[in-house]
Amino acid sequence: MPQTKFVLGKALKQGLKPIVVINKIDKSDSRPDDAELLKGYAKVPPPLRGVARNGKSPDAQLADALKLIDDEIGDMSAQIAQGDLDSLETRGRFLEIKYRDEV
């Protein structure tokens, strides 16, 4: 979403650390499985969160899901940064061309 990328870009430029919040779960393009994962994890009693069942513990399942989200945020951050780098390079080239003969 463009506005999410914009706001995330502003926050990252200020050195803020993002917090993942699942919002607008009622929208047609939502991913309710993400919210259900967190709700399901919260329902598991703390002593059982480290116990593996079907190959993975709830702790491991949550960590894997959060890693995917973190990777997605990292990719978005890289895209935002690349846009800024491209813009800076373009401005630098413009100034070179504009003032090359004046130096």
C-alpha atoms as a PDB file:
ATOM      1  CA  MET A   1       0.000   0.000   0.000  1.00  0.00           C
ATOM      2  CA  PRO A   2       1.512   3.335  -1.031  1.00  0.00           C
ATOM      3  CA  GLN A   3       0.612   5.205   2.146  1.00  0.00           C
ATOM      4  CA  THR A   4       2.047   2.418   4.303  1.00  0.00           C
ATOM      5  CA  LYS A   5       5.313   2.528   2.366  1.00  0.00           C
ATOM      6  CA  PHE A   6       5.391   6.320   2.643  1.00  0.00           C
ATOM      7  CA  VAL A   7       4.823   6.372   6.406  1.00  0.00           C
ATOM      8  CA  LEU A   8       7.214   3.470   6.972  1.00  0.00           C
ATOM      9  CA  GLY A   9       9.856   5.308   4.953  1.00  0.00           C
ATOM     10  CA  LYS A  10       9.447   8.466   7.043  1.00  0.00           C
ATOM     11  CA  ALA A  11       9.689   6.478  10.289  1.00  0.00           C
ATOM     12  CA  LEU A  12      12.786   4.573   9.184  1.00  0.00           C
ATOM     13  CA  LYS A  13      14.512   7.796   8.082  1.00  0.00           C
ATOM     14  CA  GLN A  14      14.001   9.129  11.596  1.00  0.00           C
ATOM     15  CA  GLY A  15      15.572   6.001  13.057  1.00  0.00           C
ATOM     16  CA  LEU A  16      12.328   4.684  14.528  1.00  0.00           C
ATOM     17  CA  LYS A  17      11.824   0.948  14.865  1.00  0.00           C
ATOM     18  CA  PRO A  18       8.602  -0.336  13.279  1.00  0.00           C
ATOM     19  CA  ILE A  19       5.962  -2.169  15.279  1.00  0.00           C
ATOM     20  CA  VAL A  20       3.880  -4.740  13.429  1.00  0.00           C
ATOM     21  CA  VAL A  21       0.149  -4.207  13.853  1.00  0.00           C
ATOM     22  CA  ILE A  22      -2.494  -6.149  12.010  1.00  0.00           C
ATOM     23  CA  ASN A  23      -5.098  -3.635  10.945  1.00  0.00           C
ATOM     24  CA  LYS A  24      -8.085  -3.539   8.600  1.00  0.00           C
ATOM     25  CA  ILE A  25      -8.664  -7.260   8.979  1.00  0.00           C
ATOM     26  CA  ASP A  26     -12.201  -6.793   7.648  1.00  0.00           C
ATOM     27  CA  LYS A  27     -11.026  -5.635   4.206  1.00  0.00           C
ATOM     28  CA  SER A  28     -11.306  -7.922   1.188  1.00  0.00           C
ATOM     29  CA  ASP A  29      -7.520  -8.071   0.674  1.00  0.00           C
ATOM     30  CA  SER A  30      -6.747  -8.761   4.343  1.00  0.00           C
ATOM     31  CA  ARG A  31      -4.760 -11.750   5.511  1.00  0.00           C
ATOM     32  CA  PRO A  32      -6.780 -13.069   8.452  1.00  0.00           C
ATOM     33  CA  ASP A  33      -4.423 -16.012   8.863  1.00  0.00           C
ATOM     34  CA  ASP A  34      -1.827 -13.578  10.246  1.00  0.00           C
ATOM     35  CA  ALA A  35      -4.238 -12.346  12.913  1.00  0.00           C
ATOM     36  CA  GLU A  36      -5.412 -15.869  13.683  1.00  0.00           C
ATOM     37  CA  LEU A  37      -1.824 -16.976  14.225  1.00  0.00           C
ATOM     38  CA  LEU A  38      -1.341 -14.307  16.887  1.00  0.00           C
ATOM     39  CA  LYS A  39      -4.714 -15.001  18.494  1.00  0.00           C
ATOM     40  CA  GLY A  40      -3.995 -18.715  18.516  1.00  0.00           C
ATOM     41  CA  TYR A  41      -0.575 -18.214  20.064  1.00  0.00           C
ATOM     42  CA  ALA A  42      -2.050 -16.043  22.817  1.00  0.00           C
ATOM     43  CA  LYS A  43      -4.480 -18.834  23.702  1.00  0.00           C
ATOM     44  CA  VAL A  44      -1.693 -21.375  24.256  1.00  0.00           C
ATOM     45  CA  PRO A  45      -0.708 -21.541  27.945  1.00  0.00           C
ATOM     46  CA  PRO A  46       2.853 -20.230  28.413  1.00  0.00           C
ATOM     47  CA  PRO A  47       4.254 -23.557  29.691  1.00  0.00           C
ATOM     48  CA  LEU A  48       3.139 -25.279  26.468  1.00  0.00           C
ATOM     49  CA  ARG A  49       4.468 -22.688  24.024  1.00  0.00           C
ATOM     50  CA  GLY A  50       7.877 -24.367  23.876  1.00  0.00           C
ATOM     51  CA  VAL A  51       6.518 -27.890  23.399  1.00  0.00           C
ATOM     52  CA  ALA A  52       6.796 -29.204  19.848  1.00  0.00           C
ATOM     53  CA  ARG A  53       3.675 -30.646  18.302  1.00  0.00           C
ATOM     54  CA  ASN A  54       3.522 -31.708  14.651  1.00  0.00           C
ATOM     55  CA  GLY A  55       7.187 -30.805  14.266  1.00  0.00           C
ATOM     56  CA  LYS A  56       7.194 -27.256  15.650  1.00  0.00           C
ATOM     57  CA  SER A  57       6.430 -25.569  18.922  1.00  0.00           C
ATOM     58  CA  PRO A  58       4.070 -22.582  19.070  1.00  0.00           C
ATOM     59  CA  ASP A  59       7.131 -20.453  19.876  1.00  0.00           C
ATOM     60  CA  ALA A  60       8.849 -21.664  16.696  1.00  0.00           C
ATOM     61  CA  GLN A  61       5.715 -21.178  14.591  1.00  0.00           C
ATOM     62  CA  LEU A  62       5.305 -17.613  15.829  1.00  0.00           C
ATOM     63  CA  ALA A  63       9.012 -16.876  15.323  1.00  0.00           C
ATOM     64  CA  ASP A  64       8.823 -18.180  11.744  1.00  0.00           C
ATOM     65  CA  ALA A  65       5.751 -16.073  10.982  1.00  0.00           C
ATOM     66  CA  LEU A  66       7.296 -12.942  12.495  1.00  0.00           C
ATOM     67  CA  LYS A  67      10.472 -13.588  10.494  1.00  0.00           C
ATOM     68  CA  LEU A  68       8.403 -13.561   7.302  1.00  0.00           C
ATOM     69  CA  ILE A  69       6.822 -10.260   8.340  1.00  0.00           C
ATOM     70  CA  ASP A  70      10.239  -8.856   9.228  1.00  0.00           C
ATOM     71  CA  ASP A  71      11.584  -9.917   5.827  1.00  0.00           C
ATOM     72  CA  GLU A  72       8.669  -8.194   4.127  1.00  0.00           C
ATOM     73  CA  ILE A  73       9.315  -4.984   6.072  1.00  0.00           C
ATOM     74  CA  GLY A  74      13.009  -5.271   5.173  1.00  0.00           C
ATOM     75  CA  ASP A  75      12.135  -5.595   1.499  1.00  0.00           C
ATOM     76  CA  MET A  76       9.860  -2.557   1.690  1.00  0.00           C
ATOM     77  CA  SER A  77      12.589  -0.594   3.464  1.00  0.00           C
ATOM     78  CA  ALA A  78      15.095  -1.530   0.775  1.00  0.00           C
ATOM     79  CA  GLN A  79      12.683  -0.424  -1.952  1.00  0.00           C
ATOM     80  CA  ILE A  80      12.121   2.897  -0.210  1.00  0.00           C
ATOM     81  CA  ALA A  81      15.857   3.404   0.255  1.00  0.00           C
ATOM     82  CA  GLN A  82      16.523   2.532  -3.378  1.00  0.00           C
ATOM     83  CA  GLY A  83      14.042   5.195  -4.468  1.00  0.00           C
ATOM     84  CA  ASP A  84      15.838   7.769  -2.309  1.00  0.00           C
ATOM     85  CA  LEU A  85      19.230   6.695  -3.658  1.00  0.00           C
ATOM     86  CA  ASP A  86      17.959   6.918  -7.243  1.00  0.00           C
ATOM     87  CA  SER A  87      16.560  10.387  -6.566  1.00  0.00           C
ATOM     88  CA  LEU A  88      19.851  11.563  -5.042  1.00  0.00           C
ATOM     89  CA  GLU A  89      21.807  10.204  -7.998  1.00  0.00           C
ATOM     90  CA  THR A  90      19.454  11.924 -10.462  1.00  0.00           C
ATOM     91  CA  ARG A  91      19.819  15.251  -8.653  1.00  0.00           C
ATOM     92  CA  GLY A  92      23.592  14.859  -8.618  1.00  0.00           C
ATOM     93  CA  ARG A  93      23.661  14.212 -12.369  1.00  0.00           C
ATOM     94  CA  PHE A  94      21.420  17.209 -12.985  1.00  0.00           C
ATOM     95  CA  LEU A  95      23.736  19.496 -10.999  1.00  0.00           C
ATOM     96  CA  GLU A  96      26.782  18.101 -12.808  1.00  0.00           C
ATOM     97  CA  ILE A  97      25.245  18.808 -16.188  1.00  0.00           C
ATOM     98  CA  LYS A  98      23.910  22.223 -15.163  1.00  0.00           C
ATOM     99  CA  TYR A  99      27.133  23.527 -13.621  1.00  0.00           C
ATOM    100  CA  ARG A 100      29.796  21.587 -15.524  1.00  0.00           C
ATOM    101  CA  ASP A 101      30.695  24.489 -17.813  1.00  0.00           C
ATOM    102  CA  GLU A 102      30.683  27.035 -14.977  1.00  0.00           C
ATOM    103  CA  VAL A 103      33.485  25.437 -12.960  1.00  0.00           C
END
